Amino acid sequence: MLKMLLPVDGSEASARAIEEFVKRLDWYREKPEVHLLNVRMPLTGNVSMFVSKEEIGDYYREEGLRSLQQARDYLEEKGIAYRHHVVVGEVVDMVLQFADEIKCDQIVIGPRGLGAVKGLLLGSVASKLIQLSTIPVLLLK
């Protein structure tokens, strides 16, 4: 079974990418195993001096689940099985590391427009994933 990784940040761009991915599910011979991934940026400063590791972990989980909620609701509404994950670190590194860990077959992501030429240029995350990934990256707008 194909494993598809869909990084989700809670933005409209990632929501559209998931909707477009669902429209294209018939491209695949069998329904792929879908993994939603939210990457949280690590807290900086002296937070750990004032807050316990457990509370920080809870914070990451809660914020990650909040960012994943729209995607989870949409997939459930469409009857598509999925697994969801929340990790902490630099976005591109964590997406690539997680894709490798689960032996992902494809990463599906929405491109981001930059500056005045919105829609023509890729966002930094999409661009870096395309450059660095050894796994095929499918960009959906």
N, C-alpha and C. Protein backbone atom coordinates (compact mmCIF):
# COMPACT_ATOMS: atom_id res chain seq x y z
N MET A 1 0.84 -1.18 0.00
CA MET A 1 0.00 0.00 0.00
C MET A 1 0.89 1.25 0.00
N LEU A 2 0.54 2.21 -0.83
CA LEU A 2 1.27 3.46 -0.88
C LEU A 2 1.05 4.26 0.40
N LYS A 3 2.12 4.91 0.87
CA LYS A 3 2.01 5.79 2.04
C LYS A 3 2.21 7.22 1.57
N MET A 4 1.23 8.06 1.86
CA MET A 4 1.26 9.45 1.46
C MET A 4 1.37 10.32 2.70
N LEU A 5 2.29 11.28 2.66
CA LEU A 5 2.48 12.20 3.76
C LEU A 5 1.96 13.57 3.34
N LEU A 6 1.03 14.10 4.12
CA LEU A 6 0.46 15.42 3.85
C LEU A 6 0.80 16.35 5.00
N PRO A 7 1.85 17.16 4.86
CA PRO A 7 2.16 18.14 5.90
C PRO A 7 1.05 19.19 5.95
N VAL A 8 0.60 19.51 7.15
CA VAL A 8 -0.52 20.42 7.33
C VAL A 8 -0.12 21.49 8.34
N ASP A 9 -0.34 22.76 7.97
CA ASP A 9 -0.04 23.83 8.92
C ASP A 9 -1.28 24.62 9.34
N GLY A 10 -2.45 24.17 8.90
CA GLY A 10 -3.69 24.85 9.27
C GLY A 10 -4.03 26.02 8.35
N SER A 11 -3.23 26.25 7.33
CA SER A 11 -3.48 27.37 6.42
C SER A 11 -4.48 26.98 5.34
N GLU A 12 -4.97 28.00 4.62
CA GLU A 12 -5.86 27.75 3.49
C GLU A 12 -5.14 26.97 2.40
N ALA A 13 -3.85 27.25 2.22
CA ALA A 13 -3.08 26.55 1.18
C ALA A 13 -3.00 25.06 1.47
N SER A 14 -2.77 24.68 2.72
CA SER A 14 -2.69 23.25 3.03
C SER A 14 -4.08 22.61 2.96
N ALA A 15 -5.13 23.35 3.33
CA ALA A 15 -6.50 22.82 3.21
C ALA A 15 -6.84 22.56 1.75
N ARG A 16 -6.48 23.49 0.87
CA ARG A 16 -6.75 23.31 -0.57
C ARG A 16 -5.97 22.12 -1.12
N ALA A 17 -4.73 21.95 -0.67
CA ALA A 17 -3.92 20.82 -1.14
C ALA A 17 -4.58 19.50 -0.76
N ILE A 18 -5.13 19.42 0.44
CA ILE A 18 -5.80 18.20 0.88
C ILE A 18 -7.06 17.96 0.06
N GLU A 19 -7.83 19.01 -0.18
CA GLU A 19 -9.04 18.86 -1.00
C GLU A 19 -8.68 18.38 -2.41
N GLU A 20 -7.63 18.94 -2.99
CA GLU A 20 -7.20 18.53 -4.33
C GLU A 20 -6.67 17.10 -4.32
N PHE A 21 -5.98 16.73 -3.26
CA PHE A 21 -5.49 15.35 -3.13
C PHE A 21 -6.67 14.37 -3.10
N VAL A 22 -7.69 14.69 -2.33
CA VAL A 22 -8.86 13.82 -2.24
C VAL A 22 -9.53 13.67 -3.61
N LYS A 23 -9.58 14.75 -4.37
CA LYS A 23 -10.16 14.69 -5.72
C LYS A 23 -9.38 13.74 -6.63
N ARG A 24 -8.11 13.54 -6.33
CA ARG A 24 -7.24 12.73 -7.18
C ARG A 24 -7.00 11.32 -6.64
N LEU A 25 -7.73 10.93 -5.63
CA LEU A 25 -7.51 9.60 -5.06
C LEU A 25 -7.73 8.48 -6.07
N ASP A 26 -8.55 8.73 -7.08
CA ASP A 26 -8.78 7.69 -8.09
C ASP A 26 -7.56 7.52 -9.02
N TRP A 27 -6.54 8.35 -8.87
CA TRP A 27 -5.30 8.17 -9.62
C TRP A 27 -4.59 6.90 -9.18
N TYR A 28 -4.87 6.48 -7.98
CA TYR A 28 -4.13 5.37 -7.38
C TYR A 28 -4.94 4.08 -7.49
N ARG A 29 -4.25 3.00 -7.80
CA ARG A 29 -4.88 1.69 -7.96
C ARG A 29 -5.65 1.29 -6.71
N GLU A 30 -5.02 1.50 -5.57
CA GLU A 30 -5.68 1.23 -4.29
C GLU A 30 -5.56 2.47 -3.42
N LYS A 31 -6.46 2.60 -2.48
CA LYS A 31 -6.44 3.79 -1.61
C LYS A 31 -5.14 3.81 -0.81
N PRO A 32 -4.44 4.93 -0.87
CA PRO A 32 -3.17 5.02 -0.14
C PRO A 32 -3.41 5.19 1.36
N GLU A 33 -2.38 4.86 2.11
CA GLU A 33 -2.37 5.11 3.55
C GLU A 33 -2.01 6.59 3.72
N VAL A 34 -2.88 7.36 4.36
CA VAL A 34 -2.71 8.80 4.47
C VAL A 34 -2.20 9.17 5.87
N HIS A 35 -1.13 9.96 5.88
CA HIS A 35 -0.56 10.45 7.14
C HIS A 35 -0.56 11.97 7.12
N LEU A 36 -1.26 12.58 8.07
CA LEU A 36 -1.22 14.02 8.24
C LEU A 36 -0.10 14.35 9.23
N LEU A 37 0.68 15.36 8.93
CA LEU A 37 1.79 15.74 9.80
C LEU A 37 1.76 17.23 10.06
N ASN A 38 1.82 17.60 11.33
CA ASN A 38 1.97 18.99 11.71
C ASN A 38 3.30 19.14 12.42
N VAL A 39 4.09 20.11 12.00
CA VAL A 39 5.39 20.37 12.60
C VAL A 39 5.31 21.64 13.43
N ARG A 40 5.62 21.54 14.69
CA ARG A 40 5.63 22.69 15.60
C ARG A 40 7.05 23.20 15.72
N MET A 41 7.22 24.48 15.67
CA MET A 41 8.53 25.09 15.88
C MET A 41 8.85 25.02 17.37
N PRO A 42 10.09 24.68 17.71
CA PRO A 42 10.45 24.59 19.13
C PRO A 42 10.34 25.95 19.83
N LEU A 43 9.92 25.90 21.06
CA LEU A 43 9.87 27.13 21.86
C LEU A 43 11.29 27.58 22.14
N THR A 44 11.50 28.87 22.14
CA THR A 44 12.84 29.39 22.37
C THR A 44 12.91 30.09 23.72
N GLY A 45 14.09 30.43 24.11
CA GLY A 45 14.28 31.14 25.36
C GLY A 45 14.35 30.20 26.55
N ASN A 46 13.97 30.70 27.68
CA ASN A 46 14.08 29.96 28.94
C ASN A 46 12.76 29.33 29.37
N VAL A 47 11.92 28.98 28.45
CA VAL A 47 10.60 28.43 28.77
C VAL A 47 10.72 27.23 29.69
N SER A 48 11.69 26.36 29.43
CA SER A 48 11.82 25.13 30.23
C SER A 48 12.20 25.40 31.68
N MET A 49 12.65 26.61 31.98
CA MET A 49 12.95 26.95 33.37
C MET A 49 11.67 27.19 34.17
N PHE A 50 10.59 27.54 33.46
CA PHE A 50 9.36 27.93 34.13
C PHE A 50 8.20 26.96 33.90
N VAL A 51 8.34 26.11 32.90
CA VAL A 51 7.26 25.20 32.52
C VAL A 51 7.85 23.79 32.41
N SER A 52 7.11 22.80 32.89
CA SER A 52 7.62 21.43 32.87
C SER A 52 7.63 20.86 31.45
N LYS A 53 8.43 19.82 31.25
CA LYS A 53 8.49 19.14 29.94
C LYS A 53 7.11 18.61 29.55
N GLU A 54 6.38 18.10 30.53
CA GLU A 54 5.04 17.56 30.26
C GLU A 54 4.11 18.66 29.75
N GLU A 55 4.18 19.84 30.38
CA GLU A 55 3.33 20.95 29.95
C GLU A 55 3.73 21.43 28.56
N ILE A 56 5.02 21.46 28.29
CA ILE A 56 5.49 21.85 26.95
C ILE A 56 5.01 20.83 25.92
N GLY A 57 5.11 19.54 26.25
CA GLY A 57 4.62 18.49 25.36
C GLY A 57 3.13 18.62 25.11
N ASP A 58 2.38 18.91 26.17
CA ASP A 58 0.93 19.12 26.03
C ASP A 58 0.63 20.31 25.11
N TYR A 59 1.40 21.36 25.28
CA TYR A 59 1.23 22.56 24.45
C TYR A 59 1.45 22.21 22.98
N TYR A 60 2.54 21.51 22.68
CA TYR A 60 2.81 21.12 21.29
C TYR A 60 1.67 20.27 20.72
N ARG A 61 1.22 19.30 21.51
CA ARG A 61 0.13 18.42 21.06
C ARG A 61 -1.15 19.21 20.79
N GLU A 62 -1.52 20.07 21.73
CA GLU A 62 -2.76 20.85 21.58
C GLU A 62 -2.70 21.77 20.36
N GLU A 63 -1.58 22.48 20.20
CA GLU A 63 -1.44 23.37 19.06
C GLU A 63 -1.39 22.59 17.74
N GLY A 64 -0.71 21.46 17.76
CA GLY A 64 -0.64 20.62 16.57
C GLY A 64 -2.01 20.09 16.18
N LEU A 65 -2.76 19.61 17.16
CA LEU A 65 -4.10 19.10 16.88
C LEU A 65 -5.02 20.21 16.38
N ARG A 66 -4.85 21.41 16.92
CA ARG A 66 -5.65 22.55 16.45
C ARG A 66 -5.35 22.83 14.98
N SER A 67 -4.09 22.77 14.59
CA SER A 67 -3.71 23.00 13.19
C SER A 67 -4.17 21.89 12.27
N LEU A 68 -4.30 20.68 12.81
CA LEU A 68 -4.72 19.52 12.01
C LEU A 68 -6.24 19.38 11.92
N GLN A 69 -6.98 20.08 12.77
CA GLN A 69 -8.42 19.82 12.92
C GLN A 69 -9.20 19.95 11.62
N GLN A 70 -8.97 21.01 10.86
CA GLN A 70 -9.72 21.20 9.62
C GLN A 70 -9.46 20.05 8.64
N ALA A 71 -8.21 19.64 8.52
CA ALA A 71 -7.87 18.53 7.63
C ALA A 71 -8.50 17.24 8.12
N ARG A 72 -8.45 17.00 9.42
CA ARG A 72 -9.04 15.78 9.99
C ARG A 72 -10.54 15.75 9.75
N ASP A 73 -11.20 16.87 9.99
CA ASP A 73 -12.65 16.96 9.77
C ASP A 73 -12.99 16.67 8.31
N TYR A 74 -12.22 17.23 7.40
CA TYR A 74 -12.48 17.06 5.97
C TYR A 74 -12.32 15.60 5.56
N LEU A 75 -11.23 14.97 5.99
CA LEU A 75 -11.01 13.56 5.63
C LEU A 75 -12.08 12.67 6.24
N GLU A 76 -12.47 12.95 7.48
CA GLU A 76 -13.53 12.15 8.11
C GLU A 76 -14.85 12.33 7.37
N GLU A 77 -15.15 13.55 6.98
CA GLU A 77 -16.38 13.83 6.22
C GLU A 77 -16.39 13.05 4.90
N LYS A 78 -15.22 12.90 4.28
CA LYS A 78 -15.12 12.18 3.01
C LYS A 78 -14.93 10.68 3.20
N GLY A 79 -14.87 10.22 4.46
CA GLY A 79 -14.73 8.79 4.73
C GLY A 79 -13.35 8.24 4.42
N ILE A 80 -12.33 9.07 4.54
CA ILE A 80 -10.96 8.66 4.22
C ILE A 80 -10.20 8.40 5.52
N ALA A 81 -9.68 7.20 5.64
CA ALA A 81 -8.91 6.83 6.83
C ALA A 81 -7.56 7.56 6.79
N TYR A 82 -7.07 7.93 7.94
CA TYR A 82 -5.80 8.64 8.04
C TYR A 82 -5.20 8.42 9.43
N ARG A 83 -3.94 8.76 9.54
CA ARG A 83 -3.27 8.84 10.83
C ARG A 83 -2.73 10.26 10.94
N HIS A 84 -2.70 10.78 12.15
CA HIS A 84 -2.17 12.13 12.32
C HIS A 84 -1.00 12.12 13.31
N HIS A 85 -0.08 13.05 13.07
CA HIS A 85 1.15 13.10 13.85
C HIS A 85 1.52 14.56 14.10
N VAL A 86 2.10 14.81 15.26
CA VAL A 86 2.63 16.13 15.59
C VAL A 86 4.08 15.94 16.01
N VAL A 87 4.98 16.68 15.38
CA VAL A 87 6.40 16.61 15.72
C VAL A 87 6.91 18.03 15.95
N VAL A 88 8.08 18.12 16.56
CA VAL A 88 8.65 19.41 16.89
C VAL A 88 10.03 19.53 16.24
N GLY A 89 10.25 20.65 15.55
CA GLY A 89 11.55 20.88 14.93
C GLY A 89 11.42 21.82 13.75
N GLU A 90 12.48 21.91 12.96
CA GLU A 90 12.47 22.74 11.76
C GLU A 90 11.62 22.03 10.71
N VAL A 91 10.73 22.76 10.06
CA VAL A 91 9.68 22.15 9.23
C VAL A 91 10.23 21.21 8.16
N VAL A 92 11.10 21.69 7.30
CA VAL A 92 11.58 20.86 6.18
C VAL A 92 12.32 19.63 6.71
N ASP A 93 13.21 19.83 7.67
CA ASP A 93 13.95 18.70 8.23
C ASP A 93 13.01 17.65 8.81
N MET A 94 12.00 18.09 9.55
CA MET A 94 11.10 17.14 10.20
C MET A 94 10.21 16.42 9.19
N VAL A 95 9.76 17.13 8.16
CA VAL A 95 8.95 16.47 7.11
C VAL A 95 9.77 15.39 6.43
N LEU A 96 11.01 15.71 6.07
CA LEU A 96 11.86 14.73 5.40
C LEU A 96 12.21 13.57 6.32
N GLN A 97 12.51 13.86 7.57
CA GLN A 97 12.84 12.81 8.53
C GLN A 97 11.64 11.90 8.77
N PHE A 98 10.46 12.49 8.95
CA PHE A 98 9.27 11.70 9.20
C PHE A 98 8.91 10.86 7.98
N ALA A 99 9.01 11.45 6.80
CA ALA A 99 8.72 10.71 5.56
C ALA A 99 9.63 9.50 5.44
N ASP A 100 10.89 9.67 5.80
CA ASP A 100 11.86 8.57 5.77
C ASP A 100 11.51 7.51 6.82
N GLU A 101 11.15 7.95 8.02
CA GLU A 101 10.84 7.02 9.11
C GLU A 101 9.66 6.10 8.78
N ILE A 102 8.63 6.66 8.16
CA ILE A 102 7.45 5.83 7.87
C ILE A 102 7.53 5.19 6.49
N LYS A 103 8.66 5.40 5.81
CA LYS A 103 8.88 4.86 4.47
C LYS A 103 7.78 5.34 3.51
N CYS A 104 7.62 6.64 3.50
CA CYS A 104 6.60 7.31 2.71
C CYS A 104 6.92 7.19 1.21
N ASP A 105 5.89 7.06 0.39
CA ASP A 105 6.08 6.97 -1.06
C ASP A 105 5.95 8.32 -1.76
N GLN A 106 5.24 9.26 -1.13
CA GLN A 106 5.04 10.56 -1.75
C GLN A 106 4.67 11.58 -0.68
N ILE A 107 5.16 12.82 -0.87
CA ILE A 107 4.79 13.94 -0.01
C ILE A 107 3.87 14.83 -0.83
N VAL A 108 2.73 15.19 -0.25
CA VAL A 108 1.76 16.03 -0.95
C VAL A 108 1.67 17.34 -0.19
N ILE A 109 1.93 18.44 -0.88
CA ILE A 109 1.97 19.74 -0.22
C ILE A 109 1.43 20.81 -1.15
N GLY A 110 0.92 21.88 -0.57
CA GLY A 110 0.46 23.03 -1.34
C GLY A 110 1.57 24.04 -1.48
N PRO A 111 1.75 24.63 -2.67
CA PRO A 111 2.77 25.66 -2.85
C PRO A 111 2.31 26.97 -2.20
N ARG A 112 3.24 27.79 -1.90
CA ARG A 112 2.94 29.09 -1.31
C ARG A 112 3.46 30.17 -2.23
N GLY A 113 2.65 31.19 -2.48
CA GLY A 113 3.10 32.32 -3.28
C GLY A 113 3.89 33.30 -2.44
N LEU A 114 4.82 34.01 -3.06
CA LEU A 114 5.63 35.00 -2.36
C LEU A 114 5.50 36.35 -3.04
N GLY A 115 5.46 37.39 -2.26
CA GLY A 115 5.52 38.75 -2.78
C GLY A 115 4.41 39.11 -3.75
N ALA A 116 4.70 40.03 -4.65
CA ALA A 116 3.71 40.56 -5.58
C ALA A 116 3.34 39.58 -6.69
N VAL A 117 4.16 38.56 -6.90
CA VAL A 117 3.90 37.60 -7.98
C VAL A 117 3.29 36.33 -7.38
N LYS A 118 2.39 36.50 -6.47
CA LYS A 118 1.76 35.39 -5.77
C LYS A 118 1.25 34.34 -6.74
N GLY A 119 1.52 33.08 -6.44
CA GLY A 119 1.05 32.01 -7.28
C GLY A 119 2.08 31.56 -8.30
N LEU A 120 3.05 32.42 -8.62
CA LEU A 120 4.07 32.03 -9.59
C LEU A 120 5.31 31.46 -8.91
N LEU A 121 5.58 31.90 -7.71
CA LEU A 121 6.75 31.43 -6.99
C LEU A 121 6.34 30.46 -5.90
N LEU A 122 7.22 29.51 -5.62
CA LEU A 122 6.94 28.55 -4.57
C LEU A 122 7.35 29.13 -3.23
N GLY A 123 6.65 28.73 -2.19
CA GLY A 123 7.05 29.11 -0.86
C GLY A 123 8.34 28.41 -0.48
N SER A 124 8.98 28.88 0.56
CA SER A 124 10.29 28.34 0.93
C SER A 124 10.22 26.88 1.34
N VAL A 125 9.15 26.47 2.05
CA VAL A 125 9.04 25.08 2.48
C VAL A 125 8.87 24.17 1.27
N ALA A 126 7.95 24.50 0.39
CA ALA A 126 7.73 23.69 -0.81
C ALA A 126 8.99 23.63 -1.66
N SER A 127 9.63 24.75 -1.83
CA SER A 127 10.85 24.81 -2.64
C SER A 127 11.95 23.94 -2.05
N LYS A 128 12.17 24.05 -0.75
CA LYS A 128 13.21 23.24 -0.09
C LYS A 128 12.88 21.76 -0.15
N LEU A 129 11.59 21.41 0.03
CA LEU A 129 11.21 19.99 -0.04
C LEU A 129 11.52 19.43 -1.42
N ILE A 130 11.20 20.19 -2.46
CA ILE A 130 11.47 19.74 -3.82
C ILE A 130 12.97 19.53 -4.02
N GLN A 131 13.77 20.45 -3.51
CA GLN A 131 15.21 20.38 -3.69
C GLN A 131 15.85 19.25 -2.90
N LEU A 132 15.38 19.02 -1.68
CA LEU A 132 16.07 18.11 -0.78
C LEU A 132 15.49 16.70 -0.70
N SER A 133 14.25 16.53 -1.08
CA SER A 133 13.59 15.24 -0.91
C SER A 133 14.05 14.21 -1.94
N THR A 134 14.28 13.01 -1.46
CA THR A 134 14.54 11.89 -2.36
C THR A 134 13.23 11.17 -2.67
N ILE A 135 12.18 11.59 -1.99
CA ILE A 135 10.82 11.05 -2.19
C ILE A 135 10.09 12.00 -3.11
N PRO A 136 9.28 11.50 -4.05
CA PRO A 136 8.52 12.40 -4.93
C PRO A 136 7.64 13.35 -4.12
N VAL A 137 7.60 14.61 -4.56
CA VAL A 137 6.79 15.65 -3.93
C VAL A 137 5.72 16.07 -4.95
N LEU A 138 4.46 15.98 -4.55
CA LEU A 138 3.35 16.38 -5.40
C LEU A 138 2.83 17.72 -4.87
N LEU A 139 2.93 18.77 -5.71
CA LEU A 139 2.43 20.09 -5.34
C LEU A 139 1.03 20.25 -5.88
N LEU A 140 0.09 20.60 -5.00
CA LEU A 140 -1.30 20.78 -5.42
C LEU A 140 -1.79 22.15 -4.98
N LYS A 141 -2.37 22.91 -5.92
CA LYS A 141 -2.92 24.22 -5.59
C LYS A 141 -4.42 24.15 -5.55
